[in-house]
Amino acid sequence: MLYMVIEKYKDKEAVYRRFHEKGRMMPTGVTYVNSRVAEDGNTCYQINEAESLEVLQEWASNWNDVTDFTFIPVISSHEMSEKMKK
């Protein structure tokens, strides 16, 4: 399942410092797809593929002290278009 992950940084300097030191720290079952960051650097919009919401929450636990997370299950616009034909 694909998830839109919205990350609101509590402390962007701490987020990037940890990222440079430890990487994404994603557990097995989560795959990073792509992301975009707001120009002010305080919010990241990320697409991840995950086996379950629980494994995404496991990943988020590595960052909860510096980031607030929102997880939204998403599908492609093509998939939604096909669903709407039925």
C-alpha atoms as a PDB file:
ATOM      1  CA  MET A   1       0.000   0.000   0.000  1.00  0.00           C
ATOM      2  CA  LEU A   2       1.183   3.520  -0.766  1.00  0.00           C
ATOM      3  CA  TYR A   3       0.982   6.205   1.906  1.00  0.00           C
ATOM      4  CA  MET A   4       1.306   9.962   1.732  1.00  0.00           C
ATOM      5  CA  VAL A   5       3.290  10.851   4.814  1.00  0.00           C
ATOM      6  CA  ILE A   6       3.120  14.453   5.949  1.00  0.00           C
ATOM      7  CA  GLU A   7       5.956  15.292   8.290  1.00  0.00           C
ATOM      8  CA  LYS A   8       5.719  18.530  10.288  1.00  0.00           C
ATOM      9  CA  TYR A   9       9.131  19.233  11.739  1.00  0.00           C
ATOM     10  CA  LYS A  10       9.323  20.406  15.338  1.00  0.00           C
ATOM     11  CA  ASP A  11      13.028  21.163  14.844  1.00  0.00           C
ATOM     12  CA  LYS A  12      14.217  20.984  11.231  1.00  0.00           C
ATOM     13  CA  GLU A  13      17.888  21.361  12.173  1.00  0.00           C
ATOM     14  CA  ALA A  14      17.629  18.281  14.416  1.00  0.00           C
ATOM     15  CA  VAL A  15      15.782  16.354  11.677  1.00  0.00           C
ATOM     16  CA  TYR A  16      18.466  16.998   9.059  1.00  0.00           C
ATOM     17  CA  ARG A  17      21.306  16.397  11.519  1.00  0.00           C
ATOM     18  CA  ARG A  18      19.868  12.968  12.406  1.00  0.00           C
ATOM     19  CA  PHE A  19      19.174  12.187   8.735  1.00  0.00           C
ATOM     20  CA  HIS A  20      22.804  12.956   7.829  1.00  0.00           C
ATOM     21  CA  GLU A  21      24.073  10.847  10.743  1.00  0.00           C
ATOM     22  CA  LYS A  22      21.700   7.841  10.554  1.00  0.00           C
ATOM     23  CA  GLY A  23      19.802   7.968   7.254  1.00  0.00           C
ATOM     24  CA  ARG A  24      16.062   7.304   7.026  1.00  0.00           C
ATOM     25  CA  MET A  25      16.125   4.456   9.585  1.00  0.00           C
ATOM     26  CA  MET A  26      13.314   2.614   7.785  1.00  0.00           C
ATOM     27  CA  PRO A  27      12.504  -0.890   8.966  1.00  0.00           C
ATOM     28  CA  THR A  28      11.988  -3.865   6.687  1.00  0.00           C
ATOM     29  CA  GLY A  29       8.597  -3.501   5.051  1.00  0.00           C
ATOM     30  CA  VAL A  30       8.841   0.244   4.331  1.00  0.00           C
ATOM     31  CA  THR A  31      10.190   1.583   1.037  1.00  0.00           C
ATOM     32  CA  TYR A  32      10.823   5.274   0.378  1.00  0.00           C
ATOM     33  CA  VAL A  33       9.390   6.340  -3.015  1.00  0.00           C
ATOM     34  CA  ASN A  34       9.758  10.118  -3.292  1.00  0.00           C
ATOM     35  CA  SER A  35       9.309  13.352  -1.381  1.00  0.00           C
ATOM     36  CA  ARG A  36       9.020  17.105  -1.616  1.00  0.00           C
ATOM     37  CA  VAL A  37       9.790  19.662   1.071  1.00  0.00           C
ATOM     38  CA  ALA A  38       8.037  22.994   1.573  1.00  0.00           C
ATOM     39  CA  GLU A  39      10.268  25.937   0.709  1.00  0.00           C
ATOM     40  CA  ASP A  40      10.542  26.990   4.357  1.00  0.00           C
ATOM     41  CA  GLY A  41      11.906  23.511   5.173  1.00  0.00           C
ATOM     42  CA  ASN A  42       9.370  22.807   7.924  1.00  0.00           C
ATOM     43  CA  THR A  43       7.131  20.252   6.191  1.00  0.00           C
ATOM     44  CA  CYS A  44       7.936  17.185   4.097  1.00  0.00           C
ATOM     45  CA  TYR A  45       5.409  15.441   1.838  1.00  0.00           C
ATOM     46  CA  GLN A  46       6.621  11.908   1.290  1.00  0.00           C
ATOM     47  CA  ILE A  47       5.326   8.846  -0.549  1.00  0.00           C
ATOM     48  CA  ASN A  48       6.251   5.528   1.019  1.00  0.00           C
ATOM     49  CA  GLU A  49       5.234   1.982   0.247  1.00  0.00           C
ATOM     50  CA  ALA A  50       4.524  -0.071   3.353  1.00  0.00           C
ATOM     51  CA  GLU A  51       3.224  -3.508   4.237  1.00  0.00           C
ATOM     52  CA  SER A  52       1.046  -1.965   6.951  1.00  0.00           C
ATOM     53  CA  LEU A  53       0.353   1.207   8.882  1.00  0.00           C
ATOM     54  CA  GLU A  54       1.965  -0.442  11.913  1.00  0.00           C
ATOM     55  CA  VAL A  55       5.338  -0.754  10.199  1.00  0.00           C
ATOM     56  CA  LEU A  56       5.121   2.924   9.172  1.00  0.00           C
ATOM     57  CA  GLN A  57       4.420   3.830  12.785  1.00  0.00           C
ATOM     58  CA  GLU A  58       7.467   1.785  13.796  1.00  0.00           C
ATOM     59  CA  TRP A  59       9.572   3.933  11.439  1.00  0.00           C
ATOM     60  CA  ALA A  60       7.979   7.135  12.773  1.00  0.00           C
ATOM     61  CA  SER A  61       8.938   6.152  16.324  1.00  0.00           C
ATOM     62  CA  ASN A  62      12.561   6.887  15.353  1.00  0.00           C
ATOM     63  CA  TRP A  63      11.567  10.500  14.629  1.00  0.00           C
ATOM     64  CA  ASN A  64       8.635  11.308  16.949  1.00  0.00           C
ATOM     65  CA  ASP A  65      10.759  13.537  19.163  1.00  0.00           C
ATOM     66  CA  VAL A  66      11.469  15.949  16.268  1.00  0.00           C
ATOM     67  CA  THR A  67       8.561  15.343  13.843  1.00  0.00           C
ATOM     68  CA  ASP A  68       4.771  15.050  13.898  1.00  0.00           C
ATOM     69  CA  PHE A  69       3.381  12.566  11.351  1.00  0.00           C
ATOM     70  CA  THR A  70       0.167  12.163   9.385  1.00  0.00           C
ATOM     71  CA  PHE A  71      -0.329   8.966   7.342  1.00  0.00           C
ATOM     72  CA  ILE A  72      -2.806   8.903   4.453  1.00  0.00           C
ATOM     73  CA  PRO A  73      -3.355   5.753   2.345  1.00  0.00           C
ATOM     74  CA  VAL A  74      -3.291   6.793  -1.334  1.00  0.00           C
ATOM     75  CA  ILE A  75      -3.770   5.294  -4.780  1.00  0.00           C
ATOM     76  CA  SER A  76      -2.823   6.661  -8.173  1.00  0.00           C
ATOM     77  CA  SER A  77      -5.221   8.913 -10.047  1.00  0.00           C
ATOM     78  CA  HIS A  78      -5.407   6.204 -12.726  1.00  0.00           C
ATOM     79  CA  GLU A  79      -6.505   3.626 -10.131  1.00  0.00           C
ATOM     80  CA  MET A  80      -9.184   5.993  -8.837  1.00  0.00           C
ATOM     81  CA  SER A  81     -10.374   6.685 -12.372  1.00  0.00           C
ATOM     82  CA  GLU A  82     -10.743   2.944 -12.974  1.00  0.00           C
ATOM     83  CA  LYS A  83     -12.662   2.511  -9.706  1.00  0.00           C
ATOM     84  CA  MET A  84     -15.049   5.292 -10.684  1.00  0.00           C
ATOM     85  CA  LYS A  85     -15.890   3.574 -13.994  1.00  0.00           C
ATOM     86  CA  LYS A  86     -17.572   0.705 -12.152  1.00  0.00           C
END
